[in-house]
Amino acid sequence: MRVLICAGRYYMNAALCRQVLEAYHAQHPLTVLVHGGNQHLGSTLEDWARETGVHIVRYPSNWQHYGKQAERRRNRFMLQDSGPDRVIAFPGGSDTEELVAQARASGIETLSIDD
């Protein structure tokens, strides 16, 4: 299963993220973990994926080229390009909410996690 993880730029609850990944993976084995390179969670996500043998696909934002629109553009591209089976969303702002709405509109199952 291909799972896209998203969260706000400043979301830092790595322990909860790891706990959710472990529980989800036990029920629905992941093959690919997709994420946007969150500065606080990126390494936690990738460490977990390496420990469990899950492939990693990272989509960092191109701030130099797109400026303030970098995250929004990255999210749209990441969702379309990665072809996730499920989106797991942790707390975030309007860009995270927009990604979740786009996933739902595309028929992709989403799971929203609150702190």
C-alpha atoms as a PDB file:
ATOM      1  CA  MET A   1       0.000   0.000   0.000  1.00  0.00           C
ATOM      2  CA  ARG A   2       1.202   3.492  -0.911  1.00  0.00           C
ATOM      3  CA  VAL A   3       0.535   5.998   1.877  1.00  0.00           C
ATOM      4  CA  LEU A   4       1.058   9.738   1.695  1.00  0.00           C
ATOM      5  CA  ILE A   5       1.748  11.420   5.040  1.00  0.00           C
ATOM      6  CA  CYS A   6       1.101  15.136   5.367  1.00  0.00           C
ATOM      7  CA  ALA A   7       1.294  17.633   8.209  1.00  0.00           C
ATOM      8  CA  GLY A   8       1.794  21.316   8.770  1.00  0.00           C
ATOM      9  CA  ARG A   9       5.226  22.768   8.250  1.00  0.00           C
ATOM     10  CA  TYR A  10       5.795  23.175  11.990  1.00  0.00           C
ATOM     11  CA  TYR A  11       4.122  19.981  13.186  1.00  0.00           C
ATOM     12  CA  MET A  12       6.572  18.186  15.491  1.00  0.00           C
ATOM     13  CA  ASN A  13       4.823  15.303  17.267  1.00  0.00           C
ATOM     14  CA  ALA A  14       7.202  12.616  16.025  1.00  0.00           C
ATOM     15  CA  ALA A  15       6.133  10.130  18.701  1.00  0.00           C
ATOM     16  CA  LEU A  16       2.495  10.234  17.617  1.00  0.00           C
ATOM     17  CA  CYS A  17       3.496  10.017  13.965  1.00  0.00           C
ATOM     18  CA  ARG A  18       5.573   6.907  14.612  1.00  0.00           C
ATOM     19  CA  GLN A  19       2.789   5.371  16.735  1.00  0.00           C
ATOM     20  CA  VAL A  20       0.208   5.927  13.973  1.00  0.00           C
ATOM     21  CA  LEU A  21       2.529   4.512  11.309  1.00  0.00           C
ATOM     22  CA  GLU A  22       3.235   1.393  13.348  1.00  0.00           C
ATOM     23  CA  ALA A  23      -0.459   0.786  14.084  1.00  0.00           C
ATOM     24  CA  TYR A  24      -1.516   1.442  10.501  1.00  0.00           C
ATOM     25  CA  HIS A  25       1.272  -0.719   9.063  1.00  0.00           C
ATOM     26  CA  ALA A  26       0.235  -3.618  11.330  1.00  0.00           C
ATOM     27  CA  GLN A  27      -3.271  -3.519   9.812  1.00  0.00           C
ATOM     28  CA  HIS A  28      -2.410  -2.453   6.236  1.00  0.00           C
ATOM     29  CA  PRO A  29       1.215  -3.237   5.316  1.00  0.00           C
ATOM     30  CA  LEU A  30       2.843  -0.279   3.624  1.00  0.00           C
ATOM     31  CA  THR A  31       5.102  -0.708   0.619  1.00  0.00           C
ATOM     32  CA  VAL A  32       5.750   2.989  -0.091  1.00  0.00           C
ATOM     33  CA  LEU A  33       5.724   5.993   2.235  1.00  0.00           C
ATOM     34  CA  VAL A  34       5.329   9.352   0.470  1.00  0.00           C
ATOM     35  CA  HIS A  35       5.989  12.653   2.224  1.00  0.00           C
ATOM     36  CA  GLY A  36       6.839  16.268   1.506  1.00  0.00           C
ATOM     37  CA  GLY A  37      10.075  16.531   3.450  1.00  0.00           C
ATOM     38  CA  ASN A  38       8.647  18.174   6.581  1.00  0.00           C
ATOM     39  CA  GLN A  39      11.645  19.714   8.359  1.00  0.00           C
ATOM     40  CA  HIS A  40      10.578  18.313  11.728  1.00  0.00           C
ATOM     41  CA  LEU A  41       9.076  14.947  10.781  1.00  0.00           C
ATOM     42  CA  GLY A  42      10.939  14.017   7.613  1.00  0.00           C
ATOM     43  CA  SER A  43      13.761  12.197   9.350  1.00  0.00           C
ATOM     44  CA  THR A  44      11.341  10.390  11.702  1.00  0.00           C
ATOM     45  CA  LEU A  45       9.256   9.207   8.752  1.00  0.00           C
ATOM     46  CA  GLU A  46      12.292   8.043   6.831  1.00  0.00           C
ATOM     47  CA  ASP A  47      13.882   6.340   9.846  1.00  0.00           C
ATOM     48  CA  TRP A  48      10.659   4.417  10.454  1.00  0.00           C
ATOM     49  CA  ALA A  49      10.408   3.424   6.796  1.00  0.00           C
ATOM     50  CA  ARG A  50      14.008   2.172   6.696  1.00  0.00           C
ATOM     51  CA  GLU A  51      13.508   0.176   9.904  1.00  0.00           C
ATOM     52  CA  THR A  52      10.431  -1.544   8.451  1.00  0.00           C
ATOM     53  CA  GLY A  53      11.668  -1.998   4.878  1.00  0.00           C
ATOM     54  CA  VAL A  54       9.196   0.454   3.350  1.00  0.00           C
ATOM     55  CA  HIS A  55      10.272   2.434   0.278  1.00  0.00           C
ATOM     56  CA  ILE A  56      10.466   6.217   0.641  1.00  0.00           C
ATOM     57  CA  VAL A  57       9.439   8.899  -1.840  1.00  0.00           C
ATOM     58  CA  ARG A  58      10.136  12.496  -0.786  1.00  0.00           C
ATOM     59  CA  TYR A  59       8.765  15.596  -2.516  1.00  0.00           C
ATOM     60  CA  PRO A  60      10.517  18.682  -1.126  1.00  0.00           C
ATOM     61  CA  SER A  61       9.090  22.126  -1.843  1.00  0.00           C
ATOM     62  CA  ASN A  62      10.924  24.283  -4.385  1.00  0.00           C
ATOM     63  CA  TRP A  63      10.975  27.536  -2.426  1.00  0.00           C
ATOM     64  CA  GLN A  64      13.459  29.295  -4.727  1.00  0.00           C
ATOM     65  CA  HIS A  65      11.331  28.799  -7.816  1.00  0.00           C
ATOM     66  CA  TYR A  66       7.781  29.101  -6.420  1.00  0.00           C
ATOM     67  CA  GLY A  67       8.199  31.238  -3.302  1.00  0.00           C
ATOM     68  CA  LYS A  68       5.093  31.372  -1.109  1.00  0.00           C
ATOM     69  CA  GLN A  69       3.228  28.991  -3.440  1.00  0.00           C
ATOM     70  CA  ALA A  70       5.886  26.267  -3.090  1.00  0.00           C
ATOM     71  CA  GLU A  71       4.037  24.073  -0.599  1.00  0.00           C
ATOM     72  CA  ARG A  72       0.674  24.337  -2.327  1.00  0.00           C
ATOM     73  CA  ARG A  73       2.205  23.449  -5.717  1.00  0.00           C
ATOM     74  CA  ARG A  74       4.265  20.634  -4.218  1.00  0.00           C
ATOM     75  CA  ASN A  75       1.217  19.168  -2.472  1.00  0.00           C
ATOM     76  CA  ARG A  76      -0.835  19.153  -5.672  1.00  0.00           C
ATOM     77  CA  PHE A  77       1.993  17.557  -7.656  1.00  0.00           C
ATOM     78  CA  MET A  78       2.841  15.075  -4.890  1.00  0.00           C
ATOM     79  CA  LEU A  79      -0.759  13.883  -4.700  1.00  0.00           C
ATOM     80  CA  GLN A  80      -1.099  13.489  -8.471  1.00  0.00           C
ATOM     81  CA  ASP A  81       2.354  12.032  -9.123  1.00  0.00           C
ATOM     82  CA  SER A  82       2.660   9.582  -6.235  1.00  0.00           C
ATOM     83  CA  GLY A  83      -0.682   7.805  -6.681  1.00  0.00           C
ATOM     84  CA  PRO A  84      -1.309   7.080  -2.980  1.00  0.00           C
ATOM     85  CA  ASP A  85      -3.875   4.546  -1.844  1.00  0.00           C
ATOM     86  CA  ARG A  86      -4.435   6.498   1.376  1.00  0.00           C
ATOM     87  CA  VAL A  87      -3.530   9.886   2.837  1.00  0.00           C
ATOM     88  CA  ILE A  88      -2.790  10.157   6.543  1.00  0.00           C
ATOM     89  CA  ALA A  89      -3.001  13.776   7.642  1.00  0.00           C
ATOM     90  CA  PHE A  90      -1.633  15.182  10.862  1.00  0.00           C
ATOM     91  CA  PRO A  91      -2.521  18.716  12.030  1.00  0.00           C
ATOM     92  CA  GLY A  92      -1.562  21.496   9.677  1.00  0.00           C
ATOM     93  CA  GLY A  93      -2.762  24.678   8.086  1.00  0.00           C
ATOM     94  CA  SER A  94      -4.686  25.570   4.973  1.00  0.00           C
ATOM     95  CA  ASP A  95      -2.238  23.821   2.613  1.00  0.00           C
ATOM     96  CA  THR A  96      -2.651  20.543   4.507  1.00  0.00           C
ATOM     97  CA  GLU A  97      -6.425  20.965   4.497  1.00  0.00           C
ATOM     98  CA  GLU A  98      -6.359  21.627   0.756  1.00  0.00           C
ATOM     99  CA  LEU A  99      -4.311  18.480   0.116  1.00  0.00           C
ATOM    100  CA  VAL A 100      -6.806  16.402   2.126  1.00  0.00           C
ATOM    101  CA  ALA A 101      -9.734  17.950   0.227  1.00  0.00           C
ATOM    102  CA  GLN A 102      -8.056  17.218  -3.109  1.00  0.00           C
ATOM    103  CA  ALA A 103      -7.405  13.621  -2.048  1.00  0.00           C
ATOM    104  CA  ARG A 104     -11.034  13.138  -1.032  1.00  0.00           C
ATOM    105  CA  ALA A 105     -12.258  14.730  -4.274  1.00  0.00           C
ATOM    106  CA  SER A 106     -10.054  12.267  -6.176  1.00  0.00           C
ATOM    107  CA  GLY A 107     -11.570   9.335  -4.301  1.00  0.00           C
ATOM    108  CA  ILE A 108      -8.483   8.663  -2.185  1.00  0.00           C
ATOM    109  CA  GLU A 109      -9.270   7.504   1.342  1.00  0.00           C
ATOM    110  CA  THR A 110      -8.016   9.852   4.035  1.00  0.00           C
ATOM    111  CA  LEU A 111      -7.357   9.470   7.709  1.00  0.00           C
ATOM    112  CA  SER A 112      -7.069  12.649   9.789  1.00  0.00           C
ATOM    113  CA  ILE A 113      -5.158  12.427  13.075  1.00  0.00           C
ATOM    114  CA  ASP A 114      -5.662  14.958  15.860  1.00  0.00           C
ATOM    115  CA  ASP A 115      -3.162  15.493  18.663  1.00  0.00           C
END
